[in-house]
Amino acid sequence: MPAIFSLWLLQLLASSAMLGLIWMIQIVHYPLFERVSRDHYVRYQEEHVRKITWVVLPLMATELVSAVAFCAFAHPLMVRHPAWLAALVLLAAIWLSTAFVQVPLHNRLASGFHGPTHQQLVKTNWIRTIAWTLRVGLVTYCGYHWFVTVKLLQT
């Protein structure tokens, strides 16, 4: 059972890191996009996407892979727990929102600042911000329930 605990912990750590990062992006970084001079905005957006990818992609990939591995190796009762299923739905929502909403909006902003597109980016990023917030809570709850309350590590 310690391997299952390690997968859960790895997922919690990656999710928690993304939680801190997404709140910083939502409250500080994205709103500041409109403060970049129009002469430098295209270069700024390119650098933002290039550099943030090196931070976000490994964390999101770790979160996804550890969730899938956990599902593959955990006891079926753990995988079917309603809180765990909700956490998985939130993970899917995060990936779908990233791929089909945030990335296309960043691509539009790559050609230059556009106020309505920027506002849409800030507004729709709340999907991921709220999803990661709820997800970390649910993954934490599941770990507490499984490993402390039910004491699955001892069985």
Protein backbone atom coordinates (compact mmCIF):
# COMPACT_ATOMS: atom_id res chain seq x y z
CA MET A 1 0.00 0.00 0.00
CA PRO A 2 2.85 2.53 0.42
CA ALA A 3 3.10 2.85 -3.39
CA ILE A 4 -0.54 3.95 -3.48
CA PHE A 5 0.18 6.50 -0.78
CA SER A 6 3.13 7.78 -2.82
CA LEU A 7 0.96 8.19 -5.92
CA TRP A 8 -1.67 10.04 -3.91
CA LEU A 9 0.99 12.26 -2.29
CA LEU A 10 2.66 13.03 -5.64
CA GLN A 11 -0.70 14.03 -7.03
CA LEU A 12 -1.50 16.20 -4.02
CA LEU A 13 1.87 17.94 -4.27
CA ALA A 14 1.51 18.62 -8.01
CA SER A 15 -2.08 19.79 -7.57
CA SER A 16 -1.11 22.03 -4.66
CA ALA A 17 1.73 23.59 -6.63
CA MET A 18 -0.69 24.28 -9.48
CA LEU A 19 -3.19 25.72 -7.02
CA GLY A 20 -0.67 28.29 -5.79
CA LEU A 21 0.46 29.05 -9.31
CA ILE A 22 -3.04 29.45 -10.77
CA TRP A 23 -4.09 31.85 -8.01
CA MET A 24 -0.96 33.94 -8.60
CA ILE A 25 -1.64 33.97 -12.34
CA GLN A 26 -5.33 34.80 -11.84
CA ILE A 27 -4.87 37.60 -9.30
CA VAL A 28 -1.50 39.08 -10.31
CA HIS A 29 -0.16 37.97 -13.67
CA TYR A 30 -3.13 37.95 -16.07
CA PRO A 31 -4.50 41.32 -14.91
CA LEU A 32 -1.07 42.87 -15.55
CA PHE A 33 -1.17 41.91 -19.25
CA GLU A 34 -3.05 45.12 -19.98
CA ARG A 35 -0.22 47.18 -18.44
CA VAL A 36 2.39 46.01 -20.96
CA SER A 37 3.11 48.63 -23.60
CA ARG A 38 1.60 47.85 -26.99
CA ASP A 39 5.06 48.08 -28.56
CA HIS A 40 6.35 45.23 -26.40
CA TYR A 41 3.21 43.17 -25.96
CA VAL A 42 3.76 40.56 -28.69
CA ARG A 43 7.24 39.75 -27.40
CA TYR A 44 5.92 39.73 -23.82
CA GLN A 45 3.15 37.27 -24.70
CA GLU A 46 5.60 34.99 -26.54
CA GLU A 47 7.95 34.98 -23.54
CA HIS A 48 5.08 34.42 -21.12
CA VAL A 49 3.83 31.36 -23.00
CA ARG A 50 7.32 29.94 -23.50
CA LYS A 51 8.42 30.39 -19.90
CA ILE A 52 5.19 29.48 -18.14
CA THR A 53 5.02 26.24 -20.13
CA TRP A 54 8.27 25.09 -18.50
CA VAL A 55 6.63 25.52 -15.09
CA VAL A 56 3.05 24.42 -15.80
CA LEU A 57 3.47 21.47 -18.15
CA PRO A 58 5.58 19.27 -15.83
CA LEU A 59 3.22 19.94 -12.91
CA MET A 60 0.06 19.29 -14.93
CA ALA A 61 1.58 16.16 -16.48
CA THR A 62 2.64 14.88 -13.05
CA GLU A 63 -0.83 15.52 -11.71
CA LEU A 64 -2.46 13.69 -14.63
CA VAL A 65 -0.07 10.71 -14.70
CA SER A 66 -0.25 10.22 -10.94
CA ALA A 67 -4.07 10.35 -11.07
CA VAL A 68 -4.20 7.75 -13.84
CA ALA A 69 -1.64 5.54 -12.08
CA PHE A 70 -3.55 5.86 -8.82
CA CYS A 71 -6.73 4.71 -10.58
CA ALA A 72 -4.87 1.78 -12.10
CA PHE A 73 -3.33 0.52 -8.86
CA ALA A 74 -5.66 1.62 -6.06
CA HIS A 75 -8.30 -0.53 -4.46
CA PRO A 76 -11.56 -0.26 -6.46
CA LEU A 77 -13.39 1.20 -3.46
CA MET A 78 -10.91 4.07 -3.42
CA VAL A 79 -11.31 4.78 -7.12
CA ARG A 80 -15.12 4.69 -6.90
CA HIS A 81 -15.33 7.06 -3.93
CA PRO A 82 -17.58 10.03 -4.89
CA ALA A 83 -15.02 12.62 -3.76
CA TRP A 84 -12.34 10.93 -5.85
CA LEU A 85 -14.62 10.79 -8.88
CA ALA A 86 -15.38 14.50 -8.45
CA ALA A 87 -11.63 15.22 -8.27
CA LEU A 88 -11.15 13.34 -11.54
CA VAL A 89 -13.98 15.28 -13.21
CA LEU A 90 -12.31 18.52 -12.09
CA LEU A 91 -8.99 17.34 -13.52
CA ALA A 92 -10.68 16.67 -16.86
CA ALA A 93 -12.32 20.11 -16.73
CA ILE A 94 -8.94 21.73 -16.09
CA TRP A 95 -7.31 20.00 -19.05
CA LEU A 96 -10.26 20.70 -21.36
CA SER A 97 -10.41 24.35 -20.33
CA THR A 98 -6.68 24.71 -20.83
CA ALA A 99 -6.70 23.09 -24.27
CA PHE A 100 -9.89 24.56 -25.67
CA VAL A 101 -10.20 27.92 -23.92
CA GLN A 102 -6.98 29.32 -22.41
CA VAL A 103 -4.52 28.14 -25.09
CA PRO A 104 -6.64 29.52 -27.97
CA LEU A 105 -7.02 32.84 -26.11
CA HIS A 106 -3.27 33.05 -25.60
CA ASN A 107 -2.82 32.27 -29.29
CA ARG A 108 -5.11 35.18 -30.17
CA LEU A 109 -3.18 37.49 -27.86
CA ALA A 110 0.09 36.40 -29.50
CA SER A 111 -0.61 38.76 -32.41
CA GLY A 112 -1.10 41.74 -30.07
CA PHE A 113 -3.07 42.91 -27.08
CA HIS A 114 -6.83 42.89 -27.57
CA GLY A 115 -8.92 44.08 -24.62
CA PRO A 116 -11.96 41.82 -25.07
CA THR A 117 -9.75 38.74 -25.58
CA HIS A 118 -7.75 39.63 -22.49
CA GLN A 119 -10.95 40.08 -20.46
CA GLN A 120 -12.18 36.71 -21.71
CA LEU A 121 -8.88 35.11 -20.65
CA VAL A 122 -9.14 36.52 -17.13
CA LYS A 123 -12.83 35.63 -16.85
CA THR A 124 -12.56 32.06 -18.18
CA ASN A 125 -9.44 31.31 -16.15
CA TRP A 126 -11.70 31.30 -13.10
CA ILE A 127 -12.81 27.85 -14.31
CA ARG A 128 -9.33 26.48 -13.69
CA THR A 129 -8.76 28.53 -10.54
CA ILE A 130 -11.93 27.24 -8.90
CA ALA A 131 -11.43 23.71 -10.23
CA TRP A 132 -7.90 23.44 -8.79
CA THR A 133 -9.08 24.91 -5.49
CA LEU A 134 -11.86 22.33 -5.17
CA ARG A 135 -9.63 19.54 -6.48
CA VAL A 136 -6.92 20.07 -3.87
CA GLY A 137 -9.59 20.01 -1.19
CA LEU A 138 -11.08 16.78 -2.54
CA VAL A 139 -7.73 15.02 -2.99
CA THR A 140 -6.75 16.06 0.54
CA TYR A 141 -10.07 14.81 1.91
CA CYS A 142 -9.69 11.48 0.10
CA GLY A 143 -6.20 10.97 1.48
CA TYR A 144 -7.39 11.74 4.99
CA HIS A 145 -10.36 9.41 4.58
CA TRP A 146 -8.36 6.53 3.08
CA PHE A 147 -5.09 6.67 4.93
CA VAL A 148 -6.14 8.01 8.33
CA THR A 149 -9.79 7.17 8.91
CA VAL A 150 -9.94 3.83 7.08
CA LYS A 151 -6.21 3.14 7.70
CA LEU A 152 -5.73 1.52 4.31
CA LEU A 153 -1.97 1.66 4.70
CA GLN A 154 -2.18 -0.97 7.43
CA THR A 155 -4.21 -3.48 5.40
